[in-house]
Amino acid sequence: MKTNRFLSAAIFALALAFTSCASNPPAQQTTATAPVYNTVQSAPATPAQAQSANRGIKLEKEECEAKALEQAASIRESGNAVSENESFGVNMALLDARAKLAQQLETMVNGMNRRFDQQHASGQTGSSYAGKGTQIQQAYFEQFLTNTRPICKNTYVKEDGRYNVYVAIELGEPEQKAIYNQLKKDEKVAIDFAEHQFLKEMQAAKEDFRRQKEAQ
């Protein structure tokens, strides 16, 4: 009699356990996944875009390197720097762009002086051609670029977390006139070199420089 009671209790306990398991199925295991970022870009259309493949993830869309080469009344140049701090990277890229633009101005103005000498001032002496033979160094033009600001900026984040920054700067026509006035005051261009001719020559020299840079 006692054996039957014990057997009945055991069967009842097993039934309860089975019912509990059926009503509470085991929790399904879940796996967290990282968000998917689409970093695939269209095929490069310009040399500047083709070079950007290994720079990192782009945070801004405008191509400053290409913008610096666009045809415009201004004279433009781009600069680049890599830094752990983005603001510091921008400042370093600005210094790079200013140094490059000063070098560009050195090449352009010295070339203009040589052409003016060959075409208009051959054989002249005295104060009518005070700037004859002057070679102007890059450091001279840096004084005109101290306050230049970026016209655009590209920022990339490299795999190591550093910022790869590109900026473009420009010199508009008023700034080019200021350079001419200072050159004339310092007797580094011919007195006969008129302002309108200087600006026209600057545009021609800029186009020559741009074509040479694109061909590199």
C-alpha atoms as a PDB file:
ATOM      1  CA  MET A   1       0.000   0.000   0.000  1.00  0.00           C
ATOM      2  CA  LYS A   2       2.820   2.331   0.933  1.00  0.00           C
ATOM      3  CA  THR A   3       4.661   1.362  -2.231  1.00  0.00           C
ATOM      4  CA  ASN A   4       1.697   2.385  -4.392  1.00  0.00           C
ATOM      5  CA  ARG A   5       1.447   5.760  -2.644  1.00  0.00           C
ATOM      6  CA  PHE A   6       5.147   6.425  -3.206  1.00  0.00           C
ATOM      7  CA  LEU A   7       4.883   5.465  -6.886  1.00  0.00           C
ATOM      8  CA  SER A   8       1.861   7.737  -7.351  1.00  0.00           C
ATOM      9  CA  ALA A   9       3.718  10.695  -5.773  1.00  0.00           C
ATOM     10  CA  ALA A  10       6.722  10.150  -8.038  1.00  0.00           C
ATOM     11  CA  ILE A  11       4.566  10.061 -11.150  1.00  0.00           C
ATOM     12  CA  PHE A  12       2.780  13.250 -10.055  1.00  0.00           C
ATOM     13  CA  ALA A  13       6.127  15.058  -9.525  1.00  0.00           C
ATOM     14  CA  LEU A  14       7.386  14.029 -12.959  1.00  0.00           C
ATOM     15  CA  ALA A  15       4.180  15.294 -14.556  1.00  0.00           C
ATOM     16  CA  LEU A  16       4.571  18.686 -12.898  1.00  0.00           C
ATOM     17  CA  ALA A  17       8.175  18.967 -14.039  1.00  0.00           C
ATOM     18  CA  PHE A  18       7.243  18.110 -17.629  1.00  0.00           C
ATOM     19  CA  THR A  19       4.403  20.668 -17.620  1.00  0.00           C
ATOM     20  CA  SER A  20       6.750  23.382 -16.304  1.00  0.00           C
ATOM     21  CA  CYS A  21       9.349  22.710 -18.979  1.00  0.00           C
ATOM     22  CA  ALA A  22       6.755  22.772 -21.729  1.00  0.00           C
ATOM     23  CA  SER A  23       5.358  26.139 -20.639  1.00  0.00           C
ATOM     24  CA  ASN A  24       8.803  27.768 -20.263  1.00  0.00           C
ATOM     25  CA  PRO A  25      10.938  26.899 -23.309  1.00  0.00           C
ATOM     26  CA  PRO A  26      14.690  27.588 -22.977  1.00  0.00           C
ATOM     27  CA  ALA A  27      15.776  31.151 -23.877  1.00  0.00           C
ATOM     28  CA  GLN A  28      17.285  31.523 -27.332  1.00  0.00           C
ATOM     29  CA  GLN A  29      20.924  32.710 -27.442  1.00  0.00           C
ATOM     30  CA  THR A  30      21.421  36.065 -29.156  1.00  0.00           C
ATOM     31  CA  THR A  31      24.608  37.497 -30.620  1.00  0.00           C
ATOM     32  CA  ALA A  32      25.200  41.266 -30.812  1.00  0.00           C
ATOM     33  CA  THR A  33      26.498  42.485 -34.155  1.00  0.00           C
ATOM     34  CA  ALA A  34      28.356  45.692 -34.962  1.00  0.00           C
ATOM     35  CA  PRO A  35      26.558  48.247 -37.107  1.00  0.00           C
ATOM     36  CA  VAL A  36      27.339  48.010 -40.789  1.00  0.00           C
ATOM     37  CA  TYR A  37      28.854  51.109 -42.416  1.00  0.00           C
ATOM     38  CA  ASN A  38      28.831  51.494 -46.137  1.00  0.00           C
ATOM     39  CA  THR A  39      32.242  52.885 -47.053  1.00  0.00           C
ATOM     40  CA  VAL A  40      32.160  51.851 -50.705  1.00  0.00           C
ATOM     41  CA  GLN A  41      32.558  54.863 -53.009  1.00  0.00           C
ATOM     42  CA  SER A  42      32.062  55.176 -56.735  1.00  0.00           C
ATOM     43  CA  ALA A  43      34.998  54.739 -59.074  1.00  0.00           C
ATOM     44  CA  PRO A  44      37.476  57.672 -58.835  1.00  0.00           C
ATOM     45  CA  ALA A  45      36.857  60.343 -61.458  1.00  0.00           C
ATOM     46  CA  THR A  46      39.939  62.488 -60.798  1.00  0.00           C
ATOM     47  CA  PRO A  47      43.560  61.804 -59.794  1.00  0.00           C
ATOM     48  CA  ALA A  48      42.832  63.403 -56.404  1.00  0.00           C
ATOM     49  CA  GLN A  49      39.963  60.960 -55.815  1.00  0.00           C
ATOM     50  CA  ALA A  50      42.086  58.012 -56.928  1.00  0.00           C
ATOM     51  CA  GLN A  51      44.730  58.916 -54.352  1.00  0.00           C
ATOM     52  CA  SER A  52      42.165  58.988 -51.539  1.00  0.00           C
ATOM     53  CA  ALA A  53      41.662  55.205 -51.382  1.00  0.00           C
ATOM     54  CA  ASN A  54      44.127  54.613 -48.532  1.00  0.00           C
ATOM     55  CA  ARG A  55      43.541  57.801 -46.533  1.00  0.00           C
ATOM     56  CA  GLY A  56      40.802  56.542 -44.253  1.00  0.00           C
ATOM     57  CA  ILE A  57      37.078  57.118 -43.794  1.00  0.00           C
ATOM     58  CA  LYS A  58      36.056  60.468 -45.221  1.00  0.00           C
ATOM     59  CA  LEU A  59      34.078  62.753 -42.910  1.00  0.00           C
ATOM     60  CA  GLU A  60      33.461  65.566 -45.378  1.00  0.00           C
ATOM     61  CA  LYS A  61      32.639  65.306 -49.047  1.00  0.00           C
ATOM     62  CA  GLU A  62      34.239  68.273 -50.775  1.00  0.00           C
ATOM     63  CA  GLU A  63      37.480  67.539 -52.629  1.00  0.00           C
ATOM     64  CA  CYS A  64      39.821  70.355 -51.588  1.00  0.00           C
ATOM     65  CA  GLU A  65      42.721  69.011 -53.612  1.00  0.00           C
ATOM     66  CA  ALA A  66      40.613  69.243 -56.773  1.00  0.00           C
ATOM     67  CA  LYS A  67      39.127  72.591 -55.749  1.00  0.00           C
ATOM     68  CA  ALA A  68      42.611  74.057 -55.458  1.00  0.00           C
ATOM     69  CA  LEU A  69      43.144  73.310 -59.156  1.00  0.00           C
ATOM     70  CA  GLU A  70      39.855  74.766 -60.393  1.00  0.00           C
ATOM     71  CA  GLN A  71      40.017  77.643 -62.844  1.00  0.00           C
ATOM     72  CA  ALA A  72      39.222  80.871 -61.015  1.00  0.00           C
ATOM     73  CA  ALA A  73      40.314  84.498 -60.773  1.00  0.00           C
ATOM     74  CA  SER A  74      41.986  83.627 -57.485  1.00  0.00           C
ATOM     75  CA  ILE A  75      45.257  81.758 -57.013  1.00  0.00           C
ATOM     76  CA  ARG A  76      44.788  78.563 -55.017  1.00  0.00           C
ATOM     77  CA  GLU A  77      46.815  75.869 -53.301  1.00  0.00           C
ATOM     78  CA  SER A  78      46.131  72.877 -51.061  1.00  0.00           C
ATOM     79  CA  GLY A  79      47.908  71.593 -47.954  1.00  0.00           C
ATOM     80  CA  ASN A  80      47.894  68.366 -45.947  1.00  0.00           C
ATOM     81  CA  ALA A  81      48.763  67.230 -42.417  1.00  0.00           C
ATOM     82  CA  VAL A  82      48.204  64.184 -40.186  1.00  0.00           C
ATOM     83  CA  SER A  83      47.627  64.656 -36.456  1.00  0.00           C
ATOM     84  CA  GLU A  84      46.018  63.032 -33.421  1.00  0.00           C
ATOM     85  CA  ASN A  85      44.116  66.318 -32.901  1.00  0.00           C
ATOM     86  CA  GLU A  86      41.903  67.549 -35.730  1.00  0.00           C
ATOM     87  CA  SER A  87      42.253  71.273 -34.926  1.00  0.00           C
ATOM     88  CA  PHE A  88      46.021  70.983 -34.793  1.00  0.00           C
ATOM     89  CA  GLY A  89      45.910  69.058 -38.062  1.00  0.00           C
ATOM     90  CA  VAL A  90      43.979  71.907 -39.703  1.00  0.00           C
ATOM     91  CA  ASN A  91      46.579  74.450 -38.536  1.00  0.00           C
ATOM     92  CA  MET A  92      49.431  72.295 -39.816  1.00  0.00           C
ATOM     93  CA  ALA A  93      47.676  71.781 -43.159  1.00  0.00           C
ATOM     94  CA  LEU A  94      47.238  75.564 -43.411  1.00  0.00           C
ATOM     95  CA  LEU A  95      50.969  76.084 -42.853  1.00  0.00           C
ATOM     96  CA  ASP A  96      51.677  73.528 -45.578  1.00  0.00           C
ATOM     97  CA  ALA A  97      49.270  75.239 -47.999  1.00  0.00           C
ATOM     98  CA  ARG A  98      50.750  78.686 -47.297  1.00  0.00           C
ATOM     99  CA  ALA A  99      54.287  77.437 -47.868  1.00  0.00           C
ATOM    100  CA  LYS A 100      53.244  75.856 -51.171  1.00  0.00           C
ATOM    101  CA  LEU A 101      51.386  78.993 -52.270  1.00  0.00           C
ATOM    102  CA  ALA A 102      54.401  81.170 -51.378  1.00  0.00           C
ATOM    103  CA  GLN A 103      56.563  78.870 -53.491  1.00  0.00           C
ATOM    104  CA  GLN A 104      54.025  79.113 -56.314  1.00  0.00           C
ATOM    105  CA  LEU A 105      54.115  82.927 -56.126  1.00  0.00           C
ATOM    106  CA  GLU A 106      57.919  82.874 -56.172  1.00  0.00           C
ATOM    107  CA  THR A 107      57.901  80.821 -59.375  1.00  0.00           C
ATOM    108  CA  MET A 108      55.186  82.907 -61.005  1.00  0.00           C
ATOM    109  CA  VAL A 109      56.503  86.395 -60.186  1.00  0.00           C
ATOM    110  CA  ASN A 110      60.122  85.603 -61.028  1.00  0.00           C
ATOM    111  CA  GLY A 111      58.956  84.175 -64.340  1.00  0.00           C
ATOM    112  CA  MET A 112      56.874  87.286 -64.983  1.00  0.00           C
ATOM    113  CA  ASN A 113      59.874  89.520 -64.263  1.00  0.00           C
ATOM    114  CA  ARG A 114      62.031  87.560 -66.691  1.00  0.00           C
ATOM    115  CA  ARG A 115      59.415  87.786 -69.433  1.00  0.00           C
ATOM    116  CA  PHE A 116      58.900  91.494 -68.833  1.00  0.00           C
ATOM    117  CA  ASP A 117      62.633  92.014 -69.052  1.00  0.00           C
ATOM    118  CA  GLN A 118      62.840  90.130 -72.334  1.00  0.00           C
ATOM    119  CA  GLN A 119      59.795  91.723 -73.960  1.00  0.00           C
ATOM    120  CA  HIS A 120      59.657  95.310 -72.659  1.00  0.00           C
ATOM    121  CA  ALA A 121      62.700  96.379 -70.686  1.00  0.00           C
ATOM    122  CA  SER A 122      65.652  95.203 -72.732  1.00  0.00           C
ATOM    123  CA  GLY A 123      68.334  97.869 -72.733  1.00  0.00           C
ATOM    124  CA  GLN A 124      66.619 100.158 -70.223  1.00  0.00           C
ATOM    125  CA  THR A 125      68.648 101.576 -67.371  1.00  0.00           C
ATOM    126  CA  GLY A 126      68.080 103.714 -64.299  1.00  0.00           C
ATOM    127  CA  SER A 127      64.888 104.193 -62.311  1.00  0.00           C
ATOM    128  CA  SER A 128      62.590 103.346 -65.234  1.00  0.00           C
ATOM    129  CA  TYR A 129      63.297  99.673 -64.493  1.00  0.00           C
ATOM    130  CA  ALA A 130      64.263  99.498 -60.846  1.00  0.00           C
ATOM    131  CA  GLY A 131      63.347  95.824 -60.456  1.00  0.00           C
ATOM    132  CA  LYS A 132      65.469  94.505 -63.311  1.00  0.00           C
ATOM    133  CA  GLY A 133      67.169  91.217 -62.513  1.00  0.00           C
ATOM    134  CA  THR A 134      65.578  90.837 -59.079  1.00  0.00           C
ATOM    135  CA  GLN A 135      65.045  87.258 -57.865  1.00  0.00           C
ATOM    136  CA  ILE A 136      62.383  87.146 -55.143  1.00  0.00           C
ATOM    137  CA  GLN A 137      62.528  84.360 -52.591  1.00  0.00           C
ATOM    138  CA  GLN A 138      59.624  82.321 -51.194  1.00  0.00           C
ATOM    139  CA  ALA A 139      59.975  83.913 -47.743  1.00  0.00           C
ATOM    140  CA  TYR A 140      59.064  87.317 -49.218  1.00  0.00           C
ATOM    141  CA  PHE A 141      55.576  86.114 -50.201  1.00  0.00           C
ATOM    142  CA  GLU A 142      54.828  84.430 -46.883  1.00  0.00           C
ATOM    143  CA  GLN A 143      54.038  87.854 -45.377  1.00  0.00           C
ATOM    144  CA  PHE A 144      50.967  88.104 -47.622  1.00  0.00           C
ATOM    145  CA  LEU A 145      49.596  84.715 -46.565  1.00  0.00           C
ATOM    146  CA  THR A 146      49.556  85.016 -42.771  1.00  0.00           C
ATOM    147  CA  ASN A 147      45.797  85.537 -42.476  1.00  0.00           C
ATOM    148  CA  THR A 148      44.606  83.245 -45.258  1.00  0.00           C
ATOM    149  CA  ARG A 149      41.770  80.920 -44.223  1.00  0.00           C
ATOM    150  CA  PRO A 150      40.575  77.639 -45.775  1.00  0.00           C
ATOM    151  CA  ILE A 151      38.044  77.860 -48.567  1.00  0.00           C
ATOM    152  CA  CYS A 152      37.303  74.174 -47.927  1.00  0.00           C
ATOM    153  CA  LYS A 153      38.496  71.299 -45.763  1.00  0.00           C
ATOM    154  CA  ASN A 154      38.531  67.487 -46.079  1.00  0.00           C
ATOM    155  CA  THR A 155      39.035  65.366 -42.969  1.00  0.00           C
ATOM    156  CA  TYR A 156      39.755  61.636 -43.001  1.00  0.00           C
ATOM    157  CA  VAL A 157      40.104  59.284 -40.035  1.00  0.00           C
ATOM    158  CA  LYS A 158      42.908  56.775 -40.456  1.00  0.00           C
ATOM    159  CA  GLU A 159      42.833  53.233 -39.046  1.00  0.00           C
ATOM    160  CA  ASP A 160      45.057  54.287 -36.148  1.00  0.00           C
ATOM    161  CA  GLY A 161      42.594  57.030 -35.165  1.00  0.00           C
ATOM    162  CA  ARG A 162      44.658  59.977 -36.408  1.00  0.00           C
ATOM    163  CA  TYR A 163      43.118  62.734 -38.534  1.00  0.00           C
ATOM    164  CA  ASN A 164      44.311  63.247 -42.104  1.00  0.00           C
ATOM    165  CA  VAL A 165      43.374  66.828 -43.011  1.00  0.00           C
ATOM    166  CA  TYR A 166      43.397  68.594 -46.380  1.00  0.00           C
ATOM    167  CA  VAL A 167      42.690  72.308 -46.824  1.00  0.00           C
ATOM    168  CA  ALA A 168      42.655  74.732 -49.749  1.00  0.00           C
ATOM    169  CA  ILE A 169      43.435  78.459 -49.603  1.00  0.00           C
ATOM    170  CA  GLU A 170      43.291  81.226 -52.174  1.00  0.00           C
ATOM    171  CA  LEU A 171      44.479  84.725 -53.005  1.00  0.00           C
ATOM    172  CA  GLY A 172      41.778  86.881 -54.574  1.00  0.00           C
ATOM    173  CA  GLU A 173      42.329  89.834 -56.881  1.00  0.00           C
ATOM    174  CA  PRO A 174      42.492  92.414 -54.022  1.00  0.00           C
ATOM    175  CA  GLU A 175      45.282  90.402 -52.381  1.00  0.00           C
ATOM    176  CA  GLN A 176      47.108  90.126 -55.714  1.00  0.00           C
ATOM    177  CA  LYS A 177      46.928  93.921 -56.112  1.00  0.00           C
ATOM    178  CA  ALA A 178      48.336  94.317 -52.601  1.00  0.00           C
ATOM    179  CA  ILE A 179      51.256  92.069 -53.585  1.00  0.00           C
ATOM    180  CA  TYR A 180      51.871  94.155 -56.697  1.00  0.00           C
ATOM    181  CA  ASN A 181      51.848  97.407 -54.713  1.00  0.00           C
ATOM    182  CA  GLN A 182      54.339  96.019 -52.187  1.00  0.00           C
ATOM    183  CA  LEU A 183      56.563  94.614 -54.934  1.00  0.00           C
ATOM    184  CA  LYS A 184      56.648  97.995 -56.613  1.00  0.00           C
ATOM    185  CA  LYS A 185      57.269  99.796 -53.295  1.00  0.00           C
ATOM    186  CA  ASP A 186      60.172  97.449 -52.567  1.00  0.00           C
ATOM    187  CA  GLU A 187      61.456  97.912 -56.138  1.00  0.00           C
ATOM    188  CA  LYS A 188      61.184  94.224 -56.916  1.00  0.00           C
ATOM    189  CA  VAL A 189      59.241  94.729 -60.168  1.00  0.00           C
ATOM    190  CA  ALA A 190      59.758  97.192 -62.963  1.00  0.00           C
ATOM    191  CA  ILE A 191      58.234 100.615 -62.450  1.00  0.00           C
ATOM    192  CA  ASP A 192      56.853 100.278 -65.971  1.00  0.00           C
ATOM    193  CA  PHE A 193      55.077  97.067 -65.003  1.00  0.00           C
ATOM    194  CA  ALA A 194      51.482  98.356 -64.826  1.00  0.00           C
ATOM    195  CA  GLU A 195      49.021  96.873 -62.323  1.00  0.00           C
ATOM    196  CA  HIS A 196      46.568  95.633 -64.976  1.00  0.00           C
ATOM    197  CA  GLN A 197      49.410  93.973 -66.842  1.00  0.00           C
ATOM    198  CA  PHE A 198      50.673  92.382 -63.627  1.00  0.00           C
ATOM    199  CA  LEU A 199      47.249  90.862 -62.875  1.00  0.00           C
ATOM    200  CA  LYS A 200      46.927  89.615 -66.446  1.00  0.00           C
ATOM    201  CA  GLU A 201      50.375  88.044 -66.283  1.00  0.00           C
ATOM    202  CA  MET A 202      49.513  86.470 -62.939  1.00  0.00           C
ATOM    203  CA  GLN A 203      46.530  84.714 -64.510  1.00  0.00           C
ATOM    204  CA  ALA A 204      48.661  83.385 -67.373  1.00  0.00           C
ATOM    205  CA  ALA A 205      51.368  82.242 -64.960  1.00  0.00           C
ATOM    206  CA  LYS A 206      48.764  80.593 -62.749  1.00  0.00           C
ATOM    207  CA  GLU A 207      47.369  78.586 -65.672  1.00  0.00           C
ATOM    208  CA  ASP A 208      50.868  77.448 -66.649  1.00  0.00           C
ATOM    209  CA  PHE A 209      51.538  76.386 -63.053  1.00  0.00           C
ATOM    210  CA  ARG A 210      48.188  74.563 -62.834  1.00  0.00           C
ATOM    211  CA  ARG A 211      48.826  72.617 -66.058  1.00  0.00           C
ATOM    212  CA  GLN A 212      52.284  71.588 -64.867  1.00  0.00           C
ATOM    213  CA  LYS A 213      50.869  70.442 -61.524  1.00  0.00           C
ATOM    214  CA  GLU A 214      48.078  68.418 -63.153  1.00  0.00           C
ATOM    215  CA  ALA A 215      50.644  66.741 -65.421  1.00  0.00           C
ATOM    216  CA  GLN A 216      52.694  65.493 -62.439  1.00  0.00           C
END
